[in-house]
Amino acid sequence: MKYIELARVYELLEKNASKLKKAEIVGQFLKDCPSEILEKVTLLLTGNLYPAWSQEESGIAGQLMIRGIAKASGETQEKVISYFTKSGDLGKVTEHFISKRKQSSLGKRVLTVDKVVDNLRAVAKVGGIGSQDRKLDLIAELLISSTPLEAKYIVKTILGELRIGVAEGILRDGISKAYNIDKKIVEGAWFLNQDYGEVARIAKDKGETGLKNVKIKLGKPVAVLLAEKSPTLKEGVEKFDNSVAEMKFDGMRTQIHKDGERVSIFTRRLDNVTNQFPELVERVRKNVKAENVILDGETLAVKDGKPMPFQFLSQRIKRKYNIEEIAEKIPVVTELFDIVYLNGQQLFDNTLAERRKLLEKHIKNTDKFHVTEQLISQDVALVNKFYKFALALGHEGLIIKKLDATYQAGRRVSGGWLKVKPVMENLDLVIIGGTWGTGKRAGWIGSLTLGCRDRESGKFLECGMLGSGLKEKGEDLTLDKLTKMLKPLILKEKDSSVWFKPKIVIEVAYEEIQKSPTYSSGYALRFPRLVRLREDKGIFQSDDLNRLKKLYSIQKGKS
């Protein structure tokens, strides 16, 4: 298949905002796509070269891409940088300069999807001395042979900035439309095989029956069961006739695959973090009795036996080098609470009570790797004591689970799990900085730095970054309106970062407050989102650092 065919589909998807229309476009394209290339095309539609759980990545940053654009177009790097500063989108920059290219390459070939994927995957594998130059050659080879439209999307794909609105839901609906299969069946297959490329190929070649027969593959992650939120602990306990309470941890959802001596570790987002946690791999080998198994649990950062905020654990998740050093600095404990696969058998249809017995049977408990504690009770007062105990230990709350519930991979509604956490009050905070957006958000402030007031110094201290709750355009407070309000307040800029004079107050909702080693306040809001502009409040009526400290203490049961 010619790559230009895919590039035209990208262009069409980019121009259509309707999710329904996007699904129709994807469906028609996949329907006409040959089976042998379907997996690659499906991945490329999402802007990826590998499934989400793969550890492979291109390793190409903007600076190297600028060199590649200059080399392929015959322009200077200075001109490329100048144009990029104005547009904020290297894809558009590439399209512009390739369209102005004066030289005609001898032996220029027509690009195919296979050629593009092969080159880009080769880029990901290049390493060692001189690797940057070899990567540059592979990129330039593609861009030299590209039309302006092809070049635009090749660059966006390499940088992970495709942004054409094709996520899992659109792909699911597209596959459903392409092969006339109920989207719930498509989604069910994807929950067990987190590779829509492979799911699409099975749908095309084997139809509905093939998707219904999709099975777990060790080494490939499964979509985990998700918990719904319960308004109160009482409602959570009374929701089920027979239930069990387990602590809710502030850590990394951990899916462990053991196939003999081979161990793989995945996060809730399907990131493969096996290399980042070598001590956990060894604990699995030593303390899991089963030969082949998939375990579900949570991994926590700990210090002196107490849980550390997720911010610390995230340093380990992101670290690619000097693993032993950071492992010693940030030790971890793994709490195991479920088992979904055992020695060739899927356990989704087993009840929680049955799965728990199997889990306990096949785990040798240690202080750092063990089956989590639970309380089986319908007594609200007793469960409430357990809840307060969990908060006092520094955990997030409880998960109430239905003992006779099956494991519904990827499901939240009716999954039989309810989470109970303290209700957090919204905060009124000041916008003190941000970053200029890229892609569709170019020209706007794409994310905001939030500040809380320090009464002693009079300064506004960083306490989080907000990007959620902001739309590009509309009647509410949008990126466009907010950027116009913030521009006159700019104090300084550096690269894409910008600092503002404190003046604008916004109301912010969030999931919780965590201690932070990076923000000047010492605290960070987890998953903050914009609620509204507080035009009725001045900056000295906004929430201060003492307020954050108090709320942090309340949520952790320490007050």
Protein backbone atom coordinates (compact mmCIF):
# COMPACT_ATOMS: atom_id res chain seq x y z
CA MET A 1 0.00 0.00 0.00
CA LYS A 2 1.26 3.49 -0.87
CA TYR A 3 1.84 5.69 2.16
CA ILE A 4 0.11 8.60 0.42
CA GLU A 5 -3.19 6.69 0.77
CA LEU A 6 -2.78 6.66 4.54
CA ALA A 7 -1.64 10.30 4.57
CA ARG A 8 -4.87 11.31 2.78
CA VAL A 9 -6.87 9.45 5.42
CA TYR A 10 -4.95 11.32 8.12
CA GLU A 11 -5.86 14.59 6.42
CA LEU A 12 -9.51 13.60 6.23
CA LEU A 13 -9.60 12.59 9.88
CA GLU A 14 -7.93 15.82 10.91
CA LYS A 15 -10.61 17.86 9.13
CA ASN A 16 -13.56 15.97 10.67
CA ALA A 17 -14.28 16.63 14.36
CA SER A 18 -17.25 14.25 14.56
CA LYS A 19 -16.40 10.96 16.30
CA LEU A 20 -19.08 9.20 14.28
CA LYS A 21 -17.59 10.48 11.02
CA LYS A 22 -14.07 9.53 12.13
CA ALA A 23 -15.26 5.98 12.86
CA GLU A 24 -16.84 5.78 9.39
CA ILE A 25 -13.61 6.97 7.74
CA VAL A 26 -11.51 4.46 9.71
CA GLY A 27 -14.01 1.67 9.03
CA GLN A 28 -14.01 2.18 5.27
CA PHE A 29 -10.21 2.41 5.14
CA LEU A 30 -9.71 -0.77 7.18
CA LYS A 31 -12.31 -2.63 5.11
CA ASP A 32 -10.32 -1.98 1.92
CA CYS A 33 -6.95 -2.66 3.55
CA PRO A 34 -5.14 -5.95 2.70
CA SER A 35 -4.78 -8.39 5.62
CA GLU A 36 -0.99 -8.58 5.38
CA ILE A 37 -0.58 -4.87 6.16
CA LEU A 38 -3.58 -4.38 8.43
CA GLU A 39 -1.68 -4.56 11.72
CA LYS A 40 0.81 -1.86 10.66
CA VAL A 41 -1.89 0.43 9.28
CA THR A 42 -4.00 0.12 12.43
CA LEU A 43 -1.05 1.08 14.61
CA LEU A 44 -0.20 4.02 12.36
CA LEU A 45 -3.78 5.32 12.57
CA THR A 46 -3.17 5.87 16.29
CA GLY A 47 0.23 7.46 15.61
CA ASN A 48 2.16 4.47 16.96
CA LEU A 49 4.78 2.10 15.56
CA TYR A 50 4.32 -0.50 18.30
CA PRO A 51 1.51 -1.56 20.65
CA ALA A 52 1.27 0.53 23.83
CA TRP A 53 2.82 -2.22 25.95
CA SER A 54 5.99 -2.46 23.85
CA GLN A 55 9.19 -0.98 25.28
CA GLU A 56 10.30 0.23 21.85
CA GLU A 57 10.26 3.96 21.09
CA SER A 58 11.76 6.18 18.40
CA GLY A 59 14.01 8.18 20.69
CA ILE A 60 13.80 11.21 18.39
CA ALA A 61 13.62 14.65 19.97
CA GLY A 62 12.67 17.92 18.31
CA GLN A 63 16.26 19.11 17.81
CA LEU A 64 17.29 16.04 15.83
CA MET A 65 14.09 16.28 13.80
CA ILE A 66 14.95 19.90 12.92
CA ARG A 67 18.29 18.66 11.56
CA GLY A 68 16.46 16.00 9.54
CA ILE A 69 14.04 18.54 8.06
CA ALA A 70 16.93 20.84 7.12
CA LYS A 71 18.88 17.98 5.51
CA ALA A 72 15.91 16.72 3.49
CA SER A 73 14.72 20.15 2.34
CA GLY A 74 18.09 21.78 1.69
CA GLU A 75 17.28 24.66 4.05
CA THR A 76 19.34 25.88 6.98
CA GLN A 77 18.51 24.80 10.53
CA GLU A 78 18.12 28.47 11.43
CA LYS A 79 15.28 28.88 8.90
CA VAL A 80 13.57 25.71 10.13
CA ILE A 81 13.79 26.90 13.76
CA SER A 82 12.48 30.35 12.83
CA TYR A 83 9.44 28.91 11.05
CA PHE A 84 8.85 26.46 13.91
CA THR A 85 8.85 29.30 16.44
CA LYS A 86 5.94 30.88 14.57
CA SER A 87 3.88 27.74 13.91
CA GLY A 88 4.67 25.50 16.91
CA ASP A 89 4.14 22.41 14.74
CA LEU A 90 7.10 20.57 13.20
CA GLY A 91 4.75 18.60 10.96
CA LYS A 92 3.53 21.78 9.30
CA VAL A 93 7.10 23.07 9.21
CA THR A 94 8.16 19.96 7.29
CA GLU A 95 5.24 20.23 4.87
CA HIS A 96 6.16 23.86 4.19
CA PHE A 97 9.85 23.28 3.48
CA ILE A 98 9.39 20.04 1.51
CA SER A 99 6.90 21.88 -0.74
CA LYS A 100 9.54 24.59 -1.35
CA ARG A 101 12.34 22.08 -2.01
CA LYS A 102 14.18 23.08 -5.15
CA GLN A 103 16.36 20.03 -5.77
CA SER A 104 14.88 16.88 -7.26
CA SER A 105 16.26 13.68 -5.82
CA LEU A 106 17.61 11.14 -8.29
CA GLY A 107 16.06 7.72 -7.91
CA LYS A 108 13.27 9.06 -5.75
CA ARG A 109 10.99 6.16 -4.82
CA VAL A 110 7.27 6.02 -4.10
CA LEU A 111 6.87 5.50 -0.37
CA THR A 112 4.96 2.49 0.89
CA VAL A 113 3.55 1.87 4.36
CA ASP A 114 6.05 -0.98 4.75
CA LYS A 115 8.99 1.29 3.89
CA VAL A 116 7.88 3.98 6.35
CA VAL A 117 7.34 1.49 9.18
CA ASP A 118 10.62 -0.34 8.46
CA ASN A 119 12.64 2.89 8.53
CA LEU A 120 10.96 4.23 11.66
CA ARG A 121 11.35 0.94 13.51
CA ALA A 122 14.98 0.86 12.43
CA VAL A 123 15.39 4.32 13.98
CA ALA A 124 14.13 2.93 17.31
CA LYS A 125 16.74 0.15 17.25
CA VAL A 126 19.78 2.32 16.44
CA GLY A 127 22.14 2.79 19.37
CA GLY A 128 25.79 3.29 20.28
CA ILE A 129 28.44 5.65 18.93
CA GLY A 130 27.26 7.61 15.90
CA SER A 131 23.63 6.58 16.46
CA GLN A 132 22.31 10.13 16.04
CA ASP A 133 23.79 10.39 12.56
CA ARG A 134 22.41 7.00 11.53
CA LYS A 135 18.96 7.97 12.82
CA LEU A 136 19.23 11.23 10.91
CA ASP A 137 20.01 9.35 7.67
CA LEU A 138 16.98 7.06 8.08
CA ILE A 139 14.66 10.01 8.69
CA ALA A 140 16.10 12.09 5.87
CA GLU A 141 15.76 9.13 3.47
CA LEU A 142 12.02 9.08 4.09
CA LEU A 143 11.55 12.84 3.91
CA ILE A 144 13.55 13.14 0.68
CA SER A 145 11.23 10.59 -0.97
CA SER A 146 8.08 12.17 0.52
CA THR A 147 5.46 14.46 -0.87
CA PRO A 148 4.80 17.46 1.41
CA LEU A 149 1.67 15.77 2.84
CA GLU A 150 3.51 12.51 3.52
CA ALA A 151 6.41 14.36 5.14
CA LYS A 152 4.06 16.22 7.46
CA TYR A 153 2.58 13.03 8.90
CA ILE A 154 5.85 11.08 9.01
CA VAL A 155 7.30 13.77 11.28
CA LYS A 156 4.18 13.89 13.44
CA THR A 157 4.29 10.11 13.83
CA ILE A 158 7.97 10.08 14.81
CA LEU A 159 7.43 12.80 17.43
CA GLY A 160 4.25 11.23 18.79
CA GLU A 161 2.21 14.29 17.82
CA LEU A 162 -0.21 12.90 15.23
CA ARG A 163 -3.34 14.13 17.06
CA ILE A 164 -5.97 13.20 14.49
CA GLY A 165 -8.43 12.05 17.14
CA VAL A 166 -8.16 8.29 16.64
CA ALA A 167 -8.00 6.69 20.08
CA GLU A 168 -9.18 3.25 21.21
CA GLY A 169 -12.89 4.11 20.99
CA ILE A 170 -12.69 5.30 17.37
CA LEU A 171 -10.64 2.23 16.37
CA ARG A 172 -13.10 -0.08 18.09
CA ASP A 173 -16.04 1.50 16.25
CA GLY A 174 -14.09 1.57 12.97
CA ILE A 175 -13.31 -2.16 13.18
CA SER A 176 -16.95 -2.82 14.08
CA LYS A 177 -18.16 -0.92 11.00
CA ALA A 178 -15.51 -2.40 8.68
CA TYR A 179 -16.39 -6.03 9.38
CA ASN A 180 -19.97 -5.69 10.66
CA ILE A 181 -19.22 -7.00 14.15
CA ASP A 182 -20.82 -5.74 17.38
CA LYS A 183 -18.45 -3.21 18.96
CA LYS A 184 -18.80 -4.89 22.38
CA ILE A 185 -17.31 -8.06 20.88
CA VAL A 186 -14.48 -6.02 19.33
CA GLU A 187 -13.83 -4.30 22.65
CA GLY A 188 -13.97 -7.59 24.54
CA ALA A 189 -11.26 -9.04 22.31
CA TRP A 190 -9.14 -5.91 22.82
CA PHE A 191 -9.44 -6.19 26.59
CA LEU A 192 -7.64 -9.55 26.32
CA ASN A 193 -5.27 -8.59 23.49
CA GLN A 194 -4.16 -4.97 23.84
CA ASP A 195 -3.17 -4.65 20.20
CA TYR A 196 -5.91 -3.28 17.95
CA GLY A 197 -3.77 -4.13 14.92
CA GLU A 198 -4.00 -7.82 15.74
CA VAL A 199 -7.66 -7.49 16.71
CA ALA A 200 -8.39 -5.89 13.32
CA ARG A 201 -6.60 -8.69 11.46
CA ILE A 202 -8.53 -11.36 13.37
CA ALA A 203 -11.81 -9.53 12.69
CA LYS A 204 -11.07 -9.38 8.97
CA ASP A 205 -9.81 -12.96 8.59
CA LYS A 206 -11.95 -14.84 11.13
CA GLY A 207 -14.89 -12.58 11.85
CA GLU A 208 -16.98 -12.54 15.02
CA THR A 209 -16.10 -16.13 15.93
CA GLY A 210 -12.39 -15.34 15.83
CA LEU A 211 -12.79 -12.36 18.15
CA LYS A 212 -14.86 -14.36 20.63
CA ASN A 213 -12.05 -16.92 20.80
CA VAL A 214 -9.29 -14.41 21.58
CA LYS A 215 -7.32 -15.65 24.58
CA ILE A 216 -4.74 -14.22 26.95
CA LYS A 217 -1.13 -14.36 25.79
CA LEU A 218 1.53 -14.31 28.49
CA GLY A 219 3.79 -11.32 27.99
CA LYS A 220 0.98 -9.19 26.54
CA PRO A 221 -0.99 -7.14 29.09
CA VAL A 222 -4.70 -7.52 29.80
CA ALA A 223 -7.00 -4.57 30.51
CA VAL A 224 -7.45 -4.52 34.29
CA LEU A 225 -10.78 -4.36 36.13
CA LEU A 226 -11.51 -0.81 37.29
CA ALA A 227 -13.38 0.37 40.38
CA GLU A 228 -16.36 2.73 40.40
CA LYS A 229 -16.49 5.51 42.98
CA SER A 230 -18.94 5.13 45.88
CA PRO A 231 -20.45 8.36 47.27
CA THR A 232 -20.02 7.14 50.87
CA LEU A 233 -18.55 4.19 52.73
CA LYS A 234 -22.00 3.17 54.00
CA GLU A 235 -23.41 3.04 50.45
CA GLY A 236 -20.37 1.05 49.34
CA VAL A 237 -20.76 -1.59 52.04
CA GLU A 238 -24.53 -1.86 51.58
CA LYS A 239 -24.30 -2.09 47.78
CA PHE A 240 -23.34 -5.79 47.92
CA ASP A 241 -24.91 -8.63 49.91
CA ASN A 242 -21.50 -10.14 50.62
CA SER A 243 -18.37 -8.06 50.31
CA VAL A 244 -14.78 -7.68 51.34
CA ALA A 245 -12.83 -4.49 52.09
CA GLU A 246 -9.23 -3.99 50.97
CA MET A 247 -6.99 -0.96 51.32
CA LYS A 248 -6.72 1.40 48.35
CA PHE A 249 -3.07 2.21 47.74
CA ASP A 250 -1.38 5.28 46.29
CA GLY A 251 0.90 3.39 43.93
CA MET A 252 1.31 1.84 40.51
CA ARG A 253 -1.28 -0.68 39.36
CA THR A 254 0.92 -3.68 38.69
CA GLN A 255 0.12 -6.53 36.32
CA ILE A 256 2.68 -9.32 36.63
CA HIS A 257 3.15 -12.01 33.97
CA LYS A 258 5.27 -15.04 34.85
CA ASP A 259 6.06 -17.61 32.17
CA GLY A 260 8.64 -19.90 33.72
CA GLU A 261 11.63 -17.69 34.49
CA ARG A 262 10.43 -14.94 32.15
CA VAL A 263 8.73 -12.11 34.05
CA SER A 264 6.99 -9.04 32.58
CA ILE A 265 5.56 -6.12 34.54
CA PHE A 266 2.96 -3.69 33.17
CA THR A 267 1.22 -0.59 34.52
CA ARG A 268 -2.48 0.21 34.23
CA ARG A 269 -1.63 2.24 31.09
CA LEU A 270 0.07 -0.88 29.62
CA ASP A 271 3.57 0.57 29.93
CA ASN A 272 6.16 -2.19 30.18
CA VAL A 273 8.24 -1.32 33.25
CA THR A 274 10.00 -4.66 33.72
CA ASN A 275 13.47 -3.12 33.40
CA GLN A 276 12.67 -0.39 35.93
CA PHE A 277 11.89 -2.85 38.74
CA PRO A 278 14.56 -5.60 38.73
CA GLU A 279 14.03 -6.38 42.43
CA LEU A 280 10.32 -7.03 41.78
CA VAL A 281 11.24 -9.43 38.97
CA GLU A 282 13.42 -11.41 41.40
CA ARG A 283 10.69 -11.42 44.04
CA VAL A 284 8.28 -12.88 41.51
CA ARG A 285 10.73 -15.64 40.55
CA LYS A 286 11.39 -16.55 44.19
CA ASN A 287 7.90 -16.21 45.70
CA VAL A 288 5.37 -17.17 43.00
CA LYS A 289 4.90 -20.93 43.06
CA ALA A 290 2.96 -21.21 39.79
CA GLU A 291 4.83 -21.83 36.53
CA ASN A 292 2.54 -19.64 34.39
CA VAL A 293 0.47 -16.89 35.97
CA ILE A 294 -0.90 -13.35 35.66
CA LEU A 295 -1.24 -11.42 38.93
CA ASP A 296 -2.97 -8.11 39.64
CA GLY A 297 -1.75 -5.80 42.39
CA GLU A 298 -0.28 -2.45 43.38
CA THR A 299 3.36 -1.44 43.87
CA LEU A 300 4.15 1.28 46.43
CA ALA A 301 7.19 3.38 47.17
CA VAL A 302 8.07 3.05 50.86
CA LYS A 303 10.35 4.71 53.37
CA ASP A 304 10.88 3.44 56.91
CA GLY A 305 7.96 1.10 56.38
CA LYS A 306 5.55 3.89 55.42
CA PRO A 307 4.11 4.63 51.94
CA MET A 308 5.61 7.50 50.00
CA PRO A 309 3.52 9.68 47.63
CA PHE A 310 3.13 8.50 44.05
CA GLN A 311 5.35 11.39 42.91
CA PHE A 312 8.37 9.49 44.25
CA LEU A 313 7.38 6.21 42.63
CA SER A 314 6.89 7.98 39.30
CA GLN A 315 10.61 8.76 39.30
CA ARG A 316 11.26 5.02 39.13
CA ILE A 317 8.65 4.43 36.46
CA LYS A 318 10.25 7.04 34.19
CA ARG A 319 13.88 6.11 34.88
CA LYS A 320 15.68 4.28 32.07
CA TYR A 321 19.25 4.45 33.39
CA ASN A 322 21.03 3.97 36.74
CA ILE A 323 18.22 1.70 37.86
CA GLU A 324 20.12 0.17 40.80
CA GLU A 325 20.87 3.61 42.22
CA ILE A 326 17.25 4.81 42.25
CA ALA A 327 16.00 1.38 43.40
CA GLU A 328 18.10 1.79 46.54
CA LYS A 329 16.87 5.37 47.00
CA ILE A 330 13.18 4.52 46.43
CA PRO A 331 12.45 0.94 47.58
CA VAL A 332 9.10 -0.67 46.75
CA VAL A 333 6.57 -3.10 48.21
CA THR A 334 4.01 -5.00 46.12
CA GLU A 335 0.50 -5.75 47.40
CA LEU A 336 -1.20 -8.56 45.45
CA PHE A 337 -4.99 -8.71 45.35
CA ASP A 338 -6.01 -10.84 42.34
CA ILE A 339 -5.07 -13.59 39.91
CA VAL A 340 -6.56 -13.81 36.40
CA TYR A 341 -4.55 -16.60 34.74
CA LEU A 342 -3.05 -19.77 36.16
CA ASN A 343 -1.15 -22.53 34.36
CA GLY A 344 -2.99 -22.22 31.05
CA GLN A 345 -6.44 -21.37 32.46
CA GLN A 346 -8.19 -17.99 32.31
CA LEU A 347 -9.89 -17.20 35.62
CA PHE A 348 -12.26 -14.40 34.58
CA ASP A 349 -15.35 -16.51 35.24
CA ASN A 350 -14.20 -17.55 38.71
CA THR A 351 -15.63 -15.57 41.63
CA LEU A 352 -13.43 -13.23 43.64
CA ALA A 353 -13.60 -15.64 46.59
CA GLU A 354 -12.35 -18.49 44.38
CA ARG A 355 -9.60 -16.37 42.85
CA ARG A 356 -8.46 -15.21 46.29
CA LYS A 357 -7.97 -18.83 47.44
CA LEU A 358 -5.91 -19.58 44.34
CA LEU A 359 -3.87 -16.40 44.88
CA GLU A 360 -3.09 -17.30 48.49
CA LYS A 361 -2.17 -20.86 47.51
CA HIS A 362 0.44 -19.80 44.93
CA ILE A 363 2.14 -16.91 46.75
CA LYS A 364 4.89 -17.15 49.34
CA ASN A 365 4.38 -14.00 51.41
CA THR A 366 7.32 -11.78 52.34
CA ASP A 367 7.47 -8.30 53.87
CA LYS A 368 7.92 -6.74 50.42
CA PHE A 369 5.81 -9.06 48.26
CA HIS A 370 2.57 -10.41 49.66
CA VAL A 371 -1.18 -10.94 49.34
CA THR A 372 -2.94 -7.83 50.61
CA GLU A 373 -4.89 -7.70 53.87
CA GLN A 374 -8.68 -7.78 53.69
CA LEU A 375 -11.70 -7.51 55.97
CA ILE A 376 -14.78 -9.63 55.24
CA SER A 377 -17.68 -7.87 56.94
CA GLN A 378 -21.06 -6.20 56.29
CA ASP A 379 -20.81 -4.25 59.54
CA VAL A 380 -20.51 -0.60 58.47
CA ALA A 381 -19.01 0.46 61.82
CA LEU A 382 -16.32 -2.24 61.63
CA VAL A 383 -15.48 -1.40 58.00
CA ASN A 384 -15.31 2.29 58.96
CA LYS A 385 -12.64 1.46 61.57
CA PHE A 386 -10.68 -0.36 58.86
CA TYR A 387 -11.14 2.68 56.59
CA LYS A 388 -9.74 5.06 59.24
CA PHE A 389 -6.88 2.63 59.87
CA ALA A 390 -6.01 2.65 56.14
CA LEU A 391 -6.01 6.47 56.07
CA ALA A 392 -3.88 6.63 59.22
CA LEU A 393 -1.31 4.38 57.51
CA GLY A 394 -1.12 6.90 54.66
CA HIS A 395 -3.24 4.98 52.12
CA GLU A 396 -6.00 6.48 49.94
CA GLY A 397 -9.00 4.68 51.39
CA LEU A 398 -10.73 1.36 50.71
CA ILE A 399 -11.91 -0.79 47.82
CA ILE A 400 -15.15 -2.64 48.55
CA LYS A 401 -15.40 -5.81 46.46
CA LYS A 402 -18.27 -8.22 45.81
CA LEU A 403 -17.10 -11.70 46.80
CA ASP A 404 -19.12 -13.54 44.14
CA ALA A 405 -18.21 -11.12 41.30
CA THR A 406 -16.28 -12.34 38.28
CA TYR A 407 -13.28 -10.44 36.87
CA GLN A 408 -14.51 -8.20 34.03
CA ALA A 409 -11.37 -7.09 32.24
CA GLY A 410 -11.41 -3.43 31.29
CA ARG A 411 -14.77 -2.80 32.92
CA ARG A 412 -15.71 -0.21 35.50
CA VAL A 413 -19.52 -0.27 35.52
CA SER A 414 -20.95 -3.37 37.28
CA GLY A 415 -17.46 -4.68 37.82
CA GLY A 416 -18.12 -5.44 41.48
CA TRP A 417 -15.45 -3.05 42.84
CA LEU A 418 -16.22 0.26 44.59
CA LYS A 419 -13.59 2.74 45.78
CA VAL A 420 -14.13 4.85 48.89
CA LYS A 421 -11.95 7.94 49.36
CA PRO A 422 -12.28 11.20 51.32
CA VAL A 423 -14.16 13.87 49.35
CA MET A 424 -11.73 16.68 48.53
CA GLU A 425 -12.78 20.31 48.45
CA ASN A 426 -12.03 22.40 45.37
CA LEU A 427 -9.25 24.98 45.63
CA ASP A 428 -9.03 28.55 44.35
CA LEU A 429 -5.53 28.94 42.91
CA VAL A 430 -3.59 31.53 40.90
CA ILE A 431 -2.17 30.99 37.40
CA ILE A 432 1.56 31.76 37.69
CA GLY A 433 2.95 30.10 34.55
CA GLY A 434 2.37 27.70 31.72
CA THR A 435 3.65 26.30 28.44
CA TRP A 436 2.86 27.22 24.87
CA GLY A 437 0.88 24.50 23.12
CA THR A 438 1.88 22.54 20.04
CA GLY A 439 -0.11 20.96 17.21
CA LYS A 440 -3.78 21.95 17.45
CA ARG A 441 -2.97 24.04 20.52
CA ALA A 442 -0.21 26.04 18.85
CA GLY A 443 -0.54 29.75 19.64
CA TRP A 444 -2.39 29.08 22.89
CA ILE A 445 -1.21 28.44 26.42
CA GLY A 446 -1.60 24.65 26.42
CA SER A 447 -1.13 23.96 30.14
CA LEU A 448 -1.13 26.08 33.28
CA THR A 449 1.16 26.23 36.31
CA LEU A 450 -0.92 26.63 39.47
CA GLY A 451 0.24 28.64 42.47
CA CYS A 452 -0.81 28.78 46.12
CA ARG A 453 -0.04 31.78 48.33
CA ASP A 454 2.68 31.63 50.97
CA ARG A 455 1.58 34.06 53.67
CA GLU A 456 5.06 34.45 55.15
CA SER A 457 6.95 35.34 51.97
CA GLY A 458 4.06 36.74 49.96
CA LYS A 459 5.11 34.57 47.02
CA PHE A 460 2.95 32.20 44.98
CA LEU A 461 4.40 28.70 45.08
CA GLU A 462 3.92 26.01 42.43
CA CYS A 463 1.51 23.24 43.38
CA GLY A 464 0.53 21.61 40.09
CA MET A 465 0.15 21.67 36.30
CA LEU A 466 -3.33 21.80 34.77
CA GLY A 467 -4.24 20.78 31.23
CA SER A 468 -7.66 19.17 31.75
CA GLY A 469 -10.97 21.00 31.51
CA LEU A 470 -9.68 23.40 28.83
CA LYS A 471 -11.28 23.37 25.40
CA GLU A 472 -9.87 25.13 22.35
CA LYS A 473 -13.01 27.10 21.54
CA GLY A 474 -16.56 27.54 22.84
CA GLU A 475 -18.68 29.68 25.10
CA ASP A 476 -16.96 28.73 28.38
CA LEU A 477 -13.47 29.68 29.52
CA THR A 478 -11.41 28.33 26.62
CA LEU A 479 -7.74 28.19 25.67
CA ASP A 480 -8.36 31.03 23.25
CA LYS A 481 -9.99 33.32 25.84
CA LEU A 482 -7.56 32.38 28.58
CA THR A 483 -4.53 33.02 26.37
CA LYS A 484 -5.84 36.50 25.53
CA MET A 485 -6.26 37.19 29.27
CA LEU A 486 -2.76 35.91 30.09
CA LYS A 487 -0.69 37.50 27.31
CA PRO A 488 -0.60 41.00 28.91
CA LEU A 489 0.60 39.35 32.16
CA ILE A 490 3.71 37.69 30.69
CA LEU A 491 6.80 38.37 32.81
CA LYS A 492 9.32 36.22 30.95
CA GLU A 493 9.60 33.33 28.50
CA LYS A 494 12.14 30.59 27.91
CA ASP A 495 11.71 28.04 25.12
CA SER A 496 8.07 26.92 25.46
CA SER A 497 7.77 27.94 29.13
CA VAL A 498 6.16 31.20 30.18
CA TRP A 499 5.72 32.98 33.55
CA PHE A 500 2.84 35.32 34.42
CA LYS A 501 2.20 38.12 36.86
CA PRO A 502 -0.17 36.61 39.46
CA LYS A 503 -3.62 38.03 38.77
CA ILE A 504 -6.04 35.36 37.49
CA VAL A 505 -7.74 33.06 40.00
CA ILE A 506 -9.40 29.80 38.93
CA GLU A 507 -11.30 27.12 40.83
CA VAL A 508 -9.62 23.73 40.54
CA ALA A 509 -10.89 20.22 41.28
CA TYR A 510 -8.42 17.38 41.78
CA GLU A 511 -8.16 13.78 42.89
CA GLU A 512 -5.85 14.28 45.84
CA ILE A 513 -2.93 16.27 47.25
CA GLN A 514 0.49 14.64 47.35
CA LYS A 515 3.85 15.70 48.73
CA SER A 516 6.16 16.77 45.92
CA PRO A 517 9.96 16.88 45.73
CA THR A 518 9.83 19.17 42.68
CA TYR A 519 7.22 21.91 43.28
CA SER A 520 8.26 24.89 45.43
CA SER A 521 5.21 24.48 47.70
CA GLY A 522 6.26 20.93 48.56
CA TYR A 523 2.84 19.68 47.42
CA ALA A 524 1.25 18.65 44.13
CA LEU A 525 -2.36 18.28 43.04
CA ARG A 526 -2.98 14.95 41.35
CA PHE A 527 -5.11 15.14 38.17
CA PRO A 528 -6.18 18.81 38.56
CA ARG A 529 -8.91 20.09 36.24
CA LEU A 530 -10.43 23.50 35.62
CA VAL A 531 -13.86 24.13 37.16
CA ARG A 532 -14.35 27.85 36.49
CA LEU A 533 -12.81 31.31 36.45
CA ARG A 534 -13.12 33.07 39.84
CA GLU A 535 -13.63 36.67 38.75
CA ASP A 536 -15.15 37.35 42.17
CA LYS A 537 -11.83 36.67 43.93
CA GLY A 538 -8.56 38.54 44.00
CA ILE A 539 -5.21 36.81 44.38
CA PHE A 540 -5.11 37.49 48.14
CA GLN A 541 -8.43 35.69 48.56
CA SER A 542 -7.05 32.55 46.91
CA ASP A 543 -6.12 29.46 48.93
CA ASP A 544 -2.76 29.52 50.67
CA LEU A 545 -0.12 26.95 51.51
CA ASN A 546 -1.59 26.34 54.97
CA ARG A 547 -4.86 25.33 53.33
CA LEU A 548 -3.07 22.72 51.20
CA LYS A 549 -1.28 21.38 54.25
CA LYS A 550 -4.54 21.08 56.17
CA LEU A 551 -6.34 19.28 53.33
CA TYR A 552 -3.37 16.96 52.90
CA SER A 553 -3.58 16.01 56.57
CA ILE A 554 -7.34 15.44 56.39
CA GLN A 555 -7.15 13.18 53.34
CA LYS A 556 -4.46 11.03 54.92
CA GLY A 557 -6.36 10.76 58.22
CA LYS A 558 -3.64 12.56 60.14
CA SER A 559 -5.58 15.54 61.46
